[in-house]
Amino acid sequence: MINIIIKRLKMTFNNLKITIKKLKKEIKALYLASKRRDVPWYAKLVILLVVGYALSPIDLIPDFIP
């Protein structure tokens, strides 16, 4: 029983690790895109809003709990 729980925990942490690596790649891509001169200002604004919303502890769209 404990072996099953340990396996599930390892799988969960591995999935979390993969997701974090993907997120780091996306954030780097957004950062690089925001530093380019040929990217319009409104695209940079959207990048700023997306990253700000992703990192914000405040939920602008609340989840409804039944």
N, C-alpha and C. Protein backbone atom coordinates (compact mmCIF):
# COMPACT_ATOMS: atom_id res chain seq x y z
N MET A 1 0.83 -1.20 0.00
CA MET A 1 0.00 0.00 0.00
C MET A 1 0.87 1.26 0.00
N ILE A 2 1.89 1.26 0.84
CA ILE A 2 2.75 2.43 0.92
C ILE A 2 3.55 2.59 -0.37
N ASN A 3 3.93 1.46 -0.98
CA ASN A 3 4.67 1.53 -2.25
C ASN A 3 3.85 2.21 -3.33
N ILE A 4 2.56 1.95 -3.36
CA ILE A 4 1.68 2.57 -4.35
C ILE A 4 1.61 4.08 -4.12
N ILE A 5 1.50 4.48 -2.88
CA ILE A 5 1.44 5.91 -2.55
C ILE A 5 2.74 6.59 -2.93
N ILE A 6 3.86 5.94 -2.66
CA ILE A 6 5.17 6.52 -3.01
C ILE A 6 5.31 6.65 -4.52
N LYS A 7 4.87 5.63 -5.27
CA LYS A 7 4.92 5.69 -6.74
C LYS A 7 4.07 6.84 -7.27
N ARG A 8 2.88 7.00 -6.72
CA ARG A 8 1.99 8.08 -7.17
C ARG A 8 2.59 9.45 -6.86
N LEU A 9 3.20 9.57 -5.68
CA LEU A 9 3.84 10.83 -5.32
C LEU A 9 5.00 11.14 -6.26
N LYS A 10 5.80 10.12 -6.59
CA LYS A 10 6.90 10.33 -7.52
C LYS A 10 6.40 10.74 -8.89
N MET A 11 5.33 10.09 -9.36
CA MET A 11 4.75 10.45 -10.66
C MET A 11 4.22 11.87 -10.65
N THR A 12 3.58 12.24 -9.55
CA THR A 12 3.04 13.59 -9.44
C THR A 12 4.15 14.63 -9.45
N PHE A 13 5.22 14.39 -8.71
CA PHE A 13 6.34 15.33 -8.67
C PHE A 13 7.06 15.39 -10.01
N ASN A 14 7.16 14.25 -10.70
CA ASN A 14 7.77 14.26 -12.04
C ASN A 14 6.93 15.08 -13.01
N ASN A 15 5.62 14.92 -12.95
CA ASN A 15 4.74 15.71 -13.82
C ASN A 15 4.84 17.19 -13.49
N LEU A 16 4.91 17.50 -12.21
CA LEU A 16 5.05 18.89 -11.80
C LEU A 16 6.37 19.47 -12.29
N LYS A 17 7.43 18.69 -12.20
CA LYS A 17 8.74 19.13 -12.66
C LYS A 17 8.73 19.41 -14.17
N ILE A 18 8.08 18.54 -14.93
CA ILE A 18 7.99 18.74 -16.39
C ILE A 18 7.19 19.99 -16.70
N THR A 19 6.10 20.20 -15.99
CA THR A 19 5.26 21.38 -16.21
C THR A 19 6.02 22.66 -15.88
N ILE A 20 6.79 22.65 -14.81
CA ILE A 20 7.58 23.83 -14.44
C ILE A 20 8.64 24.13 -15.49
N LYS A 21 9.27 23.09 -16.03
CA LYS A 21 10.27 23.31 -17.08
C LYS A 21 9.63 23.93 -18.33
N LYS A 22 8.44 23.46 -18.68
CA LYS A 22 7.73 24.03 -19.83
C LYS A 22 7.37 25.48 -19.58
N LEU A 23 6.92 25.76 -18.37
CA LEU A 23 6.56 27.13 -18.02
C LEU A 23 7.76 28.06 -18.07
N LYS A 24 8.92 27.58 -17.61
CA LYS A 24 10.14 28.39 -17.68
C LYS A 24 10.49 28.72 -19.12
N LYS A 25 10.32 27.75 -20.03
CA LYS A 25 10.59 28.00 -21.45
C LYS A 25 9.66 29.06 -22.00
N GLU A 26 8.39 28.96 -21.65
CA GLU A 26 7.40 29.92 -22.14
C GLU A 26 7.70 31.33 -21.61
N ILE A 27 8.06 31.42 -20.34
CA ILE A 27 8.36 32.73 -19.77
C ILE A 27 9.60 33.33 -20.43
N LYS A 28 10.60 32.50 -20.70
CA LYS A 28 11.79 32.98 -21.40
C LYS A 28 11.43 33.48 -22.80
N ALA A 29 10.56 32.75 -23.49
CA ALA A 29 10.15 33.16 -24.83
C ALA A 29 9.40 34.49 -24.79
N LEU A 30 8.53 34.65 -23.80
CA LEU A 30 7.80 35.91 -23.67
C LEU A 30 8.74 37.05 -23.33
N TYR A 31 9.72 36.79 -22.49
CA TYR A 31 10.69 37.82 -22.13
C TYR A 31 11.49 38.25 -23.36
N LEU A 32 11.96 37.27 -24.12
CA LEU A 32 12.73 37.60 -25.32
C LEU A 32 11.88 38.35 -26.35
N ALA A 33 10.62 37.96 -26.46
CA ALA A 33 9.73 38.65 -27.40
C ALA A 33 9.49 40.09 -26.96
N SER A 34 9.42 40.30 -25.65
CA SER A 34 9.16 41.66 -25.18
C SER A 34 10.37 42.58 -25.36
N LYS A 35 11.56 42.02 -25.49
CA LYS A 35 12.76 42.84 -25.65
C LYS A 35 13.07 43.18 -27.11
N ARG A 36 12.39 42.54 -28.04
CA ARG A 36 12.65 42.81 -29.45
C ARG A 36 12.06 44.15 -29.85
N ARG A 37 12.77 44.86 -30.69
CA ARG A 37 12.31 46.18 -31.13
C ARG A 37 11.21 46.09 -32.18
N ASP A 38 11.15 44.99 -32.92
CA ASP A 38 10.14 44.89 -33.98
C ASP A 38 8.78 44.39 -33.48
N VAL A 39 8.67 44.12 -32.18
CA VAL A 39 7.39 43.72 -31.60
C VAL A 39 6.63 44.99 -31.24
N PRO A 40 5.38 45.11 -31.71
CA PRO A 40 4.60 46.34 -31.42
C PRO A 40 4.32 46.52 -29.93
N TRP A 41 4.06 47.75 -29.54
CA TRP A 41 3.86 48.07 -28.13
C TRP A 41 2.65 47.35 -27.55
N TYR A 42 1.59 47.16 -28.36
CA TYR A 42 0.39 46.52 -27.83
C TYR A 42 0.64 45.02 -27.58
N ALA A 43 1.52 44.40 -28.35
CA ALA A 43 1.88 43.00 -28.09
C ALA A 43 2.69 42.91 -26.80
N LYS A 44 3.56 43.88 -26.58
CA LYS A 44 4.33 43.91 -25.34
C LYS A 44 3.41 44.12 -24.14
N LEU A 45 2.38 44.93 -24.32
CA LEU A 45 1.40 45.14 -23.26
C LEU A 45 0.66 43.84 -22.93
N VAL A 46 0.28 43.09 -23.96
CA VAL A 46 -0.39 41.81 -23.74
C VAL A 46 0.54 40.84 -23.02
N ILE A 47 1.81 40.82 -23.41
CA ILE A 47 2.79 39.96 -22.74
C ILE A 47 2.87 40.32 -21.26
N LEU A 48 2.94 41.60 -20.97
CA LEU A 48 3.01 42.06 -19.59
C LEU A 48 1.77 41.65 -18.81
N LEU A 49 0.60 41.79 -19.41
CA LEU A 49 -0.64 41.41 -18.73
C LEU A 49 -0.72 39.91 -18.49
N VAL A 50 -0.30 39.12 -19.47
CA VAL A 50 -0.36 37.66 -19.33
C VAL A 50 0.58 37.19 -18.22
N VAL A 51 1.81 37.67 -18.24
CA VAL A 51 2.77 37.26 -17.22
C VAL A 51 2.33 37.77 -15.84
N GLY A 52 1.83 38.99 -15.79
CA GLY A 52 1.35 39.53 -14.52
C GLY A 52 0.18 38.74 -13.95
N TYR A 53 -0.74 38.35 -14.83
CA TYR A 53 -1.88 37.56 -14.37
C TYR A 53 -1.45 36.17 -13.92
N ALA A 54 -0.50 35.59 -14.65
CA ALA A 54 -0.04 34.23 -14.30
C ALA A 54 0.67 34.22 -12.95
N LEU A 55 1.39 35.28 -12.64
CA LEU A 55 2.15 35.33 -11.39
C LEU A 55 1.41 35.99 -10.24
N SER A 56 0.24 36.54 -10.51
CA SER A 56 -0.51 37.27 -9.49
C SER A 56 -1.23 36.31 -8.54
N PRO A 57 -1.17 36.61 -7.25
CA PRO A 57 -1.92 35.78 -6.30
C PRO A 57 -3.41 36.12 -6.28
N ILE A 58 -3.79 37.22 -6.90
CA ILE A 58 -5.19 37.64 -6.94
C ILE A 58 -5.84 37.03 -8.18
N ASP A 59 -6.98 36.39 -7.98
CA ASP A 59 -7.70 35.75 -9.08
C ASP A 59 -8.73 36.74 -9.62
N LEU A 60 -8.52 37.22 -10.84
CA LEU A 60 -9.45 38.18 -11.43
C LEU A 60 -10.77 37.52 -11.84
N ILE A 61 -10.70 36.27 -12.23
CA ILE A 61 -11.90 35.52 -12.58
C ILE A 61 -12.08 34.49 -11.48
N PRO A 62 -13.01 34.76 -10.56
CA PRO A 62 -13.14 33.86 -9.40
C PRO A 62 -13.72 32.50 -9.79
N ASP A 63 -13.27 31.48 -9.09
CA ASP A 63 -13.82 30.13 -9.28
C ASP A 63 -15.02 30.00 -8.35
N PHE A 64 -16.10 29.49 -8.92
CA PHE A 64 -17.30 29.34 -8.12
C PHE A 64 -17.29 27.97 -7.43
N ILE A 65 -17.44 28.00 -6.14
CA ILE A 65 -17.46 26.76 -5.35
C ILE A 65 -18.92 26.45 -5.03
N PRO A 66 -19.42 25.32 -5.51
CA PRO A 66 -20.85 24.99 -5.26
C PRO A 66 -21.11 24.63 -3.82
